[in-house]
Amino acid sequence: MNLYKYQSIDPSVPPAKNKSIQNLFEATVVFSARQNFNDLFDSKVNFIIPRRERLRKFRGSLSKSQREVFDSFTPGNTDFFQKLKQQTNTLIDSYYFYCLTTNPLNNLMWSHYANSHHGFCIEWDADKMNADKVIYSEQIASIDLLDITRSNMGLISQEKMGDDLWAALRTKLDYWSYENEYRVKLSHEMKQLVTFKDNKISVTKADSTWIKSIIFGVRCPVNVVTYVAENIPFRVNFKKCKIINSELYITPI
């Protein structure tokens, strides 16, 4: 399986000054924070604040030493969980994601993400990307704040809590399912490859050998195709998206 990233091109900008082409030549990828997503509900998490009665029952199920730890968090006060919710959202806002798809022939995605077919699509080797499939759901994901407290107390493994949170952060509403998205989270190991970062994006160096081909859109200007083909600093295959009747297809150049 390969993964694909649609890239926008502004035909009025000379190819040498186009940011998407510069990033391609440098083999850099642009990770986005969730507040930079076009979908307001993407990666939005419903954090559940436990009621007092539930907290009382949970505390009663603990051993004496566990109650002491639990009480040290002062979770009997719902203000604690409001603060925990704010802290967790702030933490999530510091994460960055790279979004890809399995489908290079999606007309809507060429229209939305590649400037109405004027841009191009990067074909990545999926084995190198460490990407996970996005979950499509009728509702945004929920995380129980008491589970986070359990994890902090060692009653739930940090690994499981991390997996649950990662699943929540790659949950989108059902009407986006046509994108068949996969998502990469910027890891601690990758942070040494970051060349630029602000609160919205993180530009990160990748390996050019992971790029298998460049697919130019139906309307991609000839001067863009020529410039990329003649100046790209690494070996890569070139393809072109074309139209047959009501369908798109891809052919080698």
Protein backbone atom coordinates (compact mmCIF):
# COMPACT_ATOMS: atom_id res chain seq x y z
CA MET A 1 0.00 0.00 0.00
CA ASN A 2 1.09 3.54 -0.77
CA LEU A 3 -0.09 6.78 0.79
CA TYR A 4 -0.73 10.06 -0.96
CA LYS A 5 -0.55 13.74 -0.07
CA TYR A 6 -2.36 16.29 -2.22
CA GLN A 7 -0.50 19.58 -2.68
CA SER A 8 -1.87 22.93 -3.79
CA ILE A 9 -0.32 25.08 -6.52
CA ASP A 10 -1.14 28.71 -7.28
CA PRO A 11 -0.63 29.03 -11.06
CA SER A 12 -0.01 32.77 -10.70
CA VAL A 13 3.11 32.13 -8.59
CA PRO A 14 6.34 31.18 -10.42
CA PRO A 15 7.26 27.54 -9.72
CA ALA A 16 10.58 28.52 -8.15
CA LYS A 17 8.72 30.52 -5.51
CA ASN A 18 5.95 28.03 -4.81
CA LYS A 19 6.12 26.73 -1.24
CA SER A 20 4.73 23.29 -2.08
CA ILE A 21 7.46 22.79 -4.69
CA GLN A 22 10.16 24.07 -2.34
CA ASN A 23 9.02 21.61 0.33
CA LEU A 24 9.01 18.80 -2.24
CA PHE A 25 12.55 19.58 -3.41
CA GLU A 26 13.77 19.68 0.20
CA ALA A 27 11.77 16.52 1.06
CA THR A 28 10.10 18.32 3.95
CA VAL A 29 6.60 17.62 5.21
CA VAL A 30 4.28 20.06 6.93
CA PHE A 31 2.66 18.68 10.09
CA SER A 32 -0.38 20.61 11.34
CA ALA A 33 -1.72 21.22 14.82
CA ARG A 34 -5.40 20.42 15.22
CA GLN A 35 -6.35 24.10 15.50
CA ASN A 36 -5.06 24.46 11.92
CA PHE A 37 -7.40 21.78 10.51
CA ASN A 38 -10.18 22.88 8.16
CA ASP A 39 -12.70 20.70 10.05
CA LEU A 40 -13.80 22.21 13.38
CA PHE A 41 -14.54 18.75 14.79
CA ASP A 42 -11.34 17.03 13.69
CA SER A 43 -9.43 15.77 16.77
CA LYS A 44 -11.94 17.45 19.06
CA VAL A 45 -12.38 15.30 22.18
CA ASN A 46 -15.30 15.19 24.59
CA PHE A 47 -13.61 14.97 27.99
CA ILE A 48 -16.04 13.48 30.51
CA ILE A 49 -15.96 15.03 33.98
CA PRO A 50 -17.02 12.44 36.60
CA ARG A 51 -19.87 13.28 38.98
CA ARG A 52 -19.31 13.39 42.76
CA GLU A 53 -21.24 10.16 43.39
CA ARG A 54 -19.07 8.29 40.92
CA LEU A 55 -15.95 9.72 42.54
CA ARG A 56 -17.18 8.63 45.97
CA LYS A 57 -17.75 5.06 44.77
CA PHE A 58 -14.40 4.95 43.04
CA ARG A 59 -12.58 6.22 46.13
CA GLY A 60 -14.36 3.58 48.21
CA SER A 61 -13.02 0.84 45.94
CA LEU A 62 -9.40 1.85 46.57
CA SER A 63 -6.96 0.55 49.13
CA LYS A 64 -5.78 2.87 51.89
CA SER A 65 -2.54 3.69 50.11
CA GLN A 66 -4.37 4.25 46.82
CA ARG A 67 -6.86 6.59 48.55
CA GLU A 68 -3.96 8.64 49.86
CA VAL A 69 -2.62 9.04 46.34
CA PHE A 70 -6.11 9.79 45.03
CA ASP A 71 -6.70 12.40 47.73
CA SER A 72 -3.37 14.04 46.92
CA PHE A 73 -4.85 15.00 43.55
CA THR A 74 -7.83 16.60 45.36
CA PRO A 75 -10.17 15.12 42.74
CA GLY A 76 -13.17 15.32 45.03
CA ASN A 77 -13.41 18.90 43.84
CA THR A 78 -14.76 19.14 40.28
CA ASP A 79 -12.44 22.14 39.75
CA PHE A 80 -9.62 19.60 39.62
CA PHE A 81 -11.18 17.91 36.61
CA GLN A 82 -11.90 21.23 34.91
CA LYS A 83 -8.20 22.04 35.25
CA LEU A 84 -7.26 18.54 34.07
CA LYS A 85 -9.46 19.04 31.01
CA GLN A 86 -7.77 22.37 30.24
CA GLN A 87 -4.30 20.89 30.77
CA THR A 88 -5.05 17.92 28.51
CA ASN A 89 -6.45 20.14 25.76
CA THR A 90 -3.37 22.37 26.01
CA LEU A 91 -1.16 19.28 25.70
CA ILE A 92 -3.10 18.05 22.66
CA ASP A 93 -2.83 21.48 21.04
CA SER A 94 0.96 21.01 21.08
CA TYR A 95 0.75 17.85 18.93
CA TYR A 96 1.30 17.92 15.17
CA PHE A 97 -0.13 15.60 12.52
CA TYR A 98 0.54 14.74 8.88
CA CYS A 99 -2.56 13.60 7.00
CA LEU A 100 -2.51 11.28 3.99
CA THR A 101 -4.90 9.16 1.95
CA THR A 102 -4.87 5.82 0.14
CA ASN A 103 -6.71 7.30 -2.85
CA PRO A 104 -4.91 9.43 -5.49
CA LEU A 105 -8.00 9.44 -7.74
CA ASN A 106 -10.49 11.27 -5.55
CA ASN A 107 -11.99 14.17 -7.50
CA LEU A 108 -13.15 15.96 -4.33
CA MET A 109 -9.69 15.81 -2.79
CA TRP A 110 -8.04 17.04 -5.97
CA SER A 111 -10.56 19.90 -5.88
CA HIS A 112 -10.24 20.75 -2.17
CA TYR A 113 -6.54 20.13 -1.48
CA ALA A 114 -4.84 20.57 -4.86
CA ASN A 115 -6.47 23.81 -5.99
CA SER A 116 -8.99 22.26 -8.38
CA HIS A 117 -6.47 19.90 -10.03
CA HIS A 118 -3.81 22.61 -10.53
CA GLY A 119 -1.52 21.03 -7.96
CA PHE A 120 0.14 17.66 -7.56
CA CYS A 121 0.05 14.60 -5.36
CA ILE A 122 3.02 12.98 -3.61
CA GLU A 123 3.07 9.19 -3.50
CA TRP A 124 4.78 8.02 -0.29
CA ASP A 125 6.02 4.56 0.64
CA ALA A 126 3.52 3.63 3.37
CA ASP A 127 6.02 1.24 5.00
CA LYS A 128 8.15 4.25 5.94
CA MET A 129 5.41 6.56 7.20
CA ASN A 130 4.23 4.90 10.45
CA ALA A 131 0.70 6.11 9.75
CA ASP A 132 -2.50 4.91 11.42
CA LYS A 133 -5.94 4.78 9.85
CA VAL A 134 -8.40 7.50 10.82
CA ILE A 135 -11.56 6.35 12.61
CA TYR A 136 -14.84 7.63 11.19
CA SER A 137 -17.72 7.98 13.64
CA GLU A 138 -21.14 9.57 14.07
CA GLN A 139 -19.83 11.52 17.07
CA ILE A 140 -16.54 12.96 18.24
CA ALA A 141 -14.46 10.74 20.52
CA SER A 142 -14.86 10.77 24.31
CA ILE A 143 -12.20 10.34 26.99
CA ASP A 144 -13.09 9.79 30.65
CA LEU A 145 -11.01 12.13 32.81
CA LEU A 146 -11.24 9.59 35.63
CA ASP A 147 -9.38 7.16 33.35
CA ILE A 148 -6.59 9.72 33.00
CA THR A 149 -6.48 9.95 36.80
CA ARG A 150 -6.39 6.14 37.01
CA SER A 151 -3.49 6.15 34.58
CA ASN A 152 -1.62 8.75 36.64
CA MET A 153 -2.13 6.51 39.68
CA GLY A 154 -0.82 3.44 37.87
CA LEU A 155 -4.21 1.69 37.84
CA ILE A 156 -4.34 1.85 34.04
CA SER A 157 -1.21 1.50 31.95
CA GLN A 158 0.20 4.65 30.40
CA GLU A 159 0.42 2.72 27.12
CA LYS A 160 -3.32 1.98 27.08
CA MET A 161 -4.17 5.57 27.97
CA GLY A 162 -1.88 6.77 25.20
CA ASP A 163 -3.50 4.41 22.71
CA ASP A 164 -6.98 5.63 23.71
CA LEU A 165 -5.95 9.25 23.32
CA TRP A 166 -4.31 8.61 19.95
CA ALA A 167 -7.49 6.89 18.75
CA ALA A 168 -9.49 9.95 19.85
CA LEU A 169 -7.11 12.28 18.01
CA ARG A 170 -7.61 10.47 14.73
CA THR A 171 -11.39 10.32 14.93
CA LYS A 172 -13.39 12.28 12.36
CA LEU A 173 -17.10 12.52 11.65
CA ASP A 174 -18.58 10.07 9.17
CA TYR A 175 -19.07 12.51 6.32
CA TRP A 176 -15.27 12.69 5.87
CA SER A 177 -14.97 8.94 5.25
CA TYR A 178 -14.57 9.45 1.48
CA GLU A 179 -11.03 10.67 2.23
CA ASN A 180 -9.92 7.28 3.60
CA GLU A 181 -7.35 9.12 5.68
CA TYR A 182 -4.26 7.90 7.47
CA ARG A 183 -2.48 10.04 10.04
CA VAL A 184 1.08 10.40 11.33
CA LYS A 185 1.81 12.01 14.70
CA LEU A 186 5.05 13.95 15.04
CA SER A 187 7.04 11.84 17.49
CA HIS A 188 9.76 12.85 19.95
CA GLU A 189 12.30 11.05 17.74
CA MET A 190 11.29 13.18 14.75
CA LYS A 191 11.57 16.51 16.56
CA GLN A 192 15.29 16.68 15.81
CA LEU A 193 14.32 16.87 12.11
CA VAL A 194 12.08 19.94 12.57
CA THR A 195 13.28 22.95 10.56
CA PHE A 196 10.46 25.35 11.50
CA LYS A 197 7.66 25.34 14.04
CA ASP A 198 4.95 27.65 15.32
CA ASN A 199 1.63 27.00 17.06
CA LYS A 200 -0.01 25.86 13.80
CA ILE A 201 2.57 23.91 11.78
CA SER A 202 5.81 22.00 12.12
CA VAL A 203 8.00 21.67 9.00
CA THR A 204 9.97 18.46 9.27
CA LYS A 205 12.72 16.88 7.17
CA ALA A 206 11.89 13.52 5.60
CA ASP A 207 13.86 11.05 3.47
CA SER A 208 13.49 11.65 -0.27
CA THR A 209 13.83 7.92 -0.94
CA TRP A 210 10.41 7.48 0.69
CA ILE A 211 8.83 9.40 -2.21
CA LYS A 212 7.85 6.98 -4.97
CA SER A 213 6.28 9.34 -7.48
CA ILE A 214 4.86 12.78 -8.19
CA ILE A 215 1.38 12.81 -9.76
CA PHE A 216 0.53 16.07 -11.52
CA GLY A 217 -3.10 17.20 -11.56
CA VAL A 218 -5.21 17.42 -14.70
CA ARG A 219 -4.87 21.23 -14.77
CA CYS A 220 -1.31 21.44 -13.47
CA PRO A 221 0.42 24.05 -15.66
CA VAL A 222 3.01 22.78 -18.14
CA ASN A 223 5.63 25.15 -16.74
CA VAL A 224 5.17 23.60 -13.29
CA VAL A 225 5.52 20.05 -14.64
CA THR A 226 8.62 21.03 -16.61
CA TYR A 227 10.20 22.91 -13.71
CA VAL A 228 9.71 20.05 -11.27
CA ALA A 229 10.92 17.40 -13.73
CA GLU A 230 14.06 19.36 -14.60
CA ASN A 231 15.02 20.61 -11.14
CA ILE A 232 13.97 18.07 -8.51
CA PRO A 233 17.23 17.04 -6.78
CA PHE A 234 16.47 13.34 -6.36
CA ARG A 235 15.25 10.43 -8.47
CA VAL A 236 11.52 9.96 -8.61
CA ASN A 237 8.87 8.78 -11.06
CA PHE A 238 6.48 11.25 -12.67
CA LYS A 239 2.82 10.56 -13.43
CA LYS A 240 -0.12 12.54 -14.75
CA CYS A 241 -3.76 12.48 -13.70
CA LYS A 242 -6.11 12.48 -16.71
CA ILE A 243 -9.81 12.19 -17.47
CA ILE A 244 -11.70 9.44 -19.29
CA ASN A 245 -15.41 10.17 -19.50
CA SER A 246 -16.57 10.40 -15.86
CA GLU A 247 -13.43 8.97 -14.27
CA LEU A 248 -9.90 9.98 -13.37
CA TYR A 249 -6.93 7.76 -14.17
CA ILE A 250 -3.17 8.00 -13.72
CA THR A 251 -0.58 7.40 -16.41
CA PRO A 252 3.25 7.53 -16.33
CA ILE A 253 4.94 10.48 -17.98
